[in-house]
C-alpha atoms as a PDB file:
ATOM      1  CA  UNK A   1      -1.700  -5.235  -7.953  1.00  0.00           C
ATOM      2  CA  UNK A   2      -0.281  -2.507  -9.987  1.00  0.00           C
ATOM      3  CA  UNK A   3      -0.584   0.331  -7.592  1.00  0.00           C
ATOM      4  CA  UNK A   4       1.469  -1.988  -4.636  1.00  0.00           C
ATOM      5  CA  UNK A   5       3.980  -3.088  -7.490  1.00  0.00           C
ATOM      6  CA  UNK A   6       4.459   1.221  -8.521  1.00  0.00           C
ATOM      7  CA  UNK A   7       4.664   1.709  -5.101  1.00  0.00           C
ATOM      8  CA  UNK A   8       7.162  -0.613  -4.243  1.00  0.00           C
ATOM      9  CA  UNK A   9       9.563   1.106  -7.134  1.00  0.00           C
ATOM     10  CA  UNK A  10       8.521   4.506  -5.864  1.00  0.00           C
ATOM     11  CA  UNK A  11       9.961   3.485  -2.172  1.00  0.00           C
ATOM     12  CA  UNK A  12      13.251   1.641  -3.607  1.00  0.00           C
ATOM     13  CA  UNK A  13      14.432   3.835  -6.222  1.00  0.00           C
ATOM     14  CA  UNK A  14      12.875   7.849  -5.665  1.00  0.00           C
ATOM     15  CA  UNK A  15      12.132   7.728  -2.019  1.00  0.00           C
ATOM     16  CA  UNK A  16      14.841   9.465  -0.055  1.00  0.00           C
ATOM     17  CA  UNK A  17      14.226   8.841   3.617  1.00  0.00           C
ATOM     18  CA  UNK A  18      16.082  11.374   6.191  1.00  0.00           C
ATOM     19  CA  UNK A  19      17.723   7.991   7.798  1.00  0.00           C
ATOM     20  CA  UNK A  20      19.510   7.637   4.430  1.00  0.00           C
ATOM     21  CA  UNK A  21      20.991  10.487   4.706  1.00  0.00           C
ATOM     22  CA  UNK A  22      20.048  11.479   0.729  1.00  0.00           C
ATOM     23  CA  UNK A  23      19.916   7.881  -0.723  1.00  0.00           C
ATOM     24  CA  UNK A  24      16.969   5.744  -1.591  1.00  0.00           C
ATOM     25  CA  UNK A  25      16.757   2.615  -0.109  1.00  0.00           C
ATOM     26  CA  UNK A  26      18.324   0.720  -3.320  1.00  0.00           C
ATOM     27  CA  UNK A  27      21.295   2.719  -3.318  1.00  0.00           C
ATOM     28  CA  UNK A  28      21.784   2.205   0.501  1.00  0.00           C
ATOM     29  CA  UNK A  29      21.490  -1.537  -0.355  1.00  0.00           C
ATOM     30  CA  UNK A  30      23.997  -1.467  -3.044  1.00  0.00           C
ATOM     31  CA  UNK A  31      26.470   0.753  -0.875  1.00  0.00           C
ATOM     32  CA  UNK A  32      26.616  -1.914   1.623  1.00  0.00           C
ATOM     33  CA  UNK A  33      29.068  -4.262   1.708  1.00  0.00           C
ATOM     34  CA  UNK A  34      28.038  -6.656   3.918  1.00  0.00           C
ATOM     35  CA  UNK A  35      28.142 -10.227   2.621  1.00  0.00           C
ATOM     36  CA  UNK A  36      24.882 -12.132   2.027  1.00  0.00           C
ATOM     37  CA  UNK A  37      24.272 -15.289   3.127  1.00  0.00           C
ATOM     38  CA  UNK A  38      21.871 -17.968   1.128  1.00  0.00           C
ATOM     39  CA  UNK A  39      19.473 -19.850   3.072  1.00  0.00           C
ATOM     40  CA  UNK A  40      17.529 -22.878   2.021  1.00  0.00           C
ATOM     41  CA  UNK A  41      13.575 -22.668   1.376  1.00  0.00           C
ATOM     42  CA  UNK A  42      12.703 -24.180   4.701  1.00  0.00           C
ATOM     43  CA  UNK A  43      14.893 -22.222   6.683  1.00  0.00           C
ATOM     44  CA  UNK A  44      13.212 -18.734   5.070  1.00  0.00           C
ATOM     45  CA  UNK A  45       9.815 -20.067   5.898  1.00  0.00           C
ATOM     46  CA  UNK A  46      11.266 -20.302   9.327  1.00  0.00           C
ATOM     47  CA  UNK A  47      12.661 -17.109   9.372  1.00  0.00           C
ATOM     48  CA  UNK A  48       9.502 -15.424   7.765  1.00  0.00           C
ATOM     49  CA  UNK A  49       7.388 -17.172  10.912  1.00  0.00           C
ATOM     50  CA  UNK A  50       7.010 -15.161  14.270  1.00  0.00           C
ATOM     51  CA  UNK A  51       6.627 -17.438  17.066  1.00  0.00           C
ATOM     52  CA  UNK A  52       4.780 -16.325  20.279  1.00  0.00           C
ATOM     53  CA  UNK A  53       4.741 -19.690  22.110  1.00  0.00           C
ATOM     54  CA  UNK A  54       0.795 -19.795  21.563  1.00  0.00           C
ATOM     55  CA  UNK A  55      -0.514 -22.234  19.280  1.00  0.00           C
ATOM     56  CA  UNK A  56      -2.885 -20.845  16.484  1.00  0.00           C
ATOM     57  CA  UNK A  57      -5.025 -23.092  14.428  1.00  0.00           C
ATOM     58  CA  UNK A  58      -6.023 -22.475  10.760  1.00  0.00           C
ATOM     59  CA  UNK A  59      -9.935 -23.123   9.959  1.00  0.00           C
ATOM     60  CA  UNK A  60     -12.318 -23.156   7.554  1.00  0.00           C
ATOM     61  CA  UNK A  61     -12.446 -19.592   8.309  1.00  0.00           C
ATOM     62  CA  UNK A  62      -8.706 -18.565   8.054  1.00  0.00           C
ATOM     63  CA  UNK A  63      -6.182 -17.459  10.938  1.00  0.00           C
ATOM     64  CA  UNK A  64      -7.789 -15.864  14.005  1.00  0.00           C
ATOM     65  CA  UNK A  65      -5.792 -13.238  15.076  1.00  0.00           C
ATOM     66  CA  UNK A  66      -6.771 -10.430  17.269  1.00  0.00           C
ATOM     67  CA  UNK A  67     -10.354 -11.319  17.622  1.00  0.00           C
ATOM     68  CA  UNK A  68     -10.426 -10.870  13.653  1.00  0.00           C
ATOM     69  CA  UNK A  69     -10.405 -13.867  11.252  1.00  0.00           C
ATOM     70  CA  UNK A  70      -7.856 -13.882   7.883  1.00  0.00           C
ATOM     71  CA  UNK A  71      -8.278 -16.132   5.043  1.00  0.00           C
ATOM     72  CA  UNK A  72      -6.673 -15.855   1.850  1.00  0.00           C
ATOM     73  CA  UNK A  73      -8.657 -16.461  -1.246  1.00  0.00           C
ATOM     74  CA  UNK A  74      -7.891 -19.894  -2.103  1.00  0.00           C
ATOM     75  CA  UNK A  75     -10.028 -21.962  -4.036  1.00  0.00           C
ATOM     76  CA  UNK A  76      -8.881 -24.946  -1.985  1.00  0.00           C
ATOM     77  CA  UNK A  77      -6.049 -26.975  -0.026  1.00  0.00           C
ATOM     78  CA  UNK A  78      -2.566 -26.005  -0.289  1.00  0.00           C
ATOM     79  CA  UNK A  79       0.751 -27.688   0.567  1.00  0.00           C
ATOM     80  CA  UNK A  80       2.435 -25.549   2.655  1.00  0.00           C
ATOM     81  CA  UNK A  81       6.588 -25.436   1.810  1.00  0.00           C
ATOM     82  CA  UNK A  82       8.457 -27.528   4.053  1.00  0.00           C
ATOM     83  CA  UNK A  83       5.748 -29.290   5.559  1.00  0.00           C
ATOM     84  CA  UNK A  84       3.822 -32.501   4.037  1.00  0.00           C
ATOM     85  CA  UNK A  85       0.872 -30.765   5.635  1.00  0.00           C
ATOM     86  CA  UNK A  86      -1.830 -29.133   3.745  1.00  0.00           C
ATOM     87  CA  UNK A  87      -4.142 -25.869   4.682  1.00  0.00           C
ATOM     88  CA  UNK A  88      -7.798 -25.878   3.576  1.00  0.00           C
END
């Protein structure tokens, strides 16, 4: 996890992509005057999900996508934020 956090810090504070004209992503963010809007946790969860119209099932094998199973290392059932359902 430390390596990921180090990379994120580098990317946001030292990396200067050419599309940002010599600015770091943090500098570009701070210079952007676009107003921000707070959203509820439920809305945020909805915005994070991409819907391609197909139904996906979460099973004991995880979520299957493109013939691969993705499974989080959870020790047991968890509540889905903004929902009354459980995921195993």
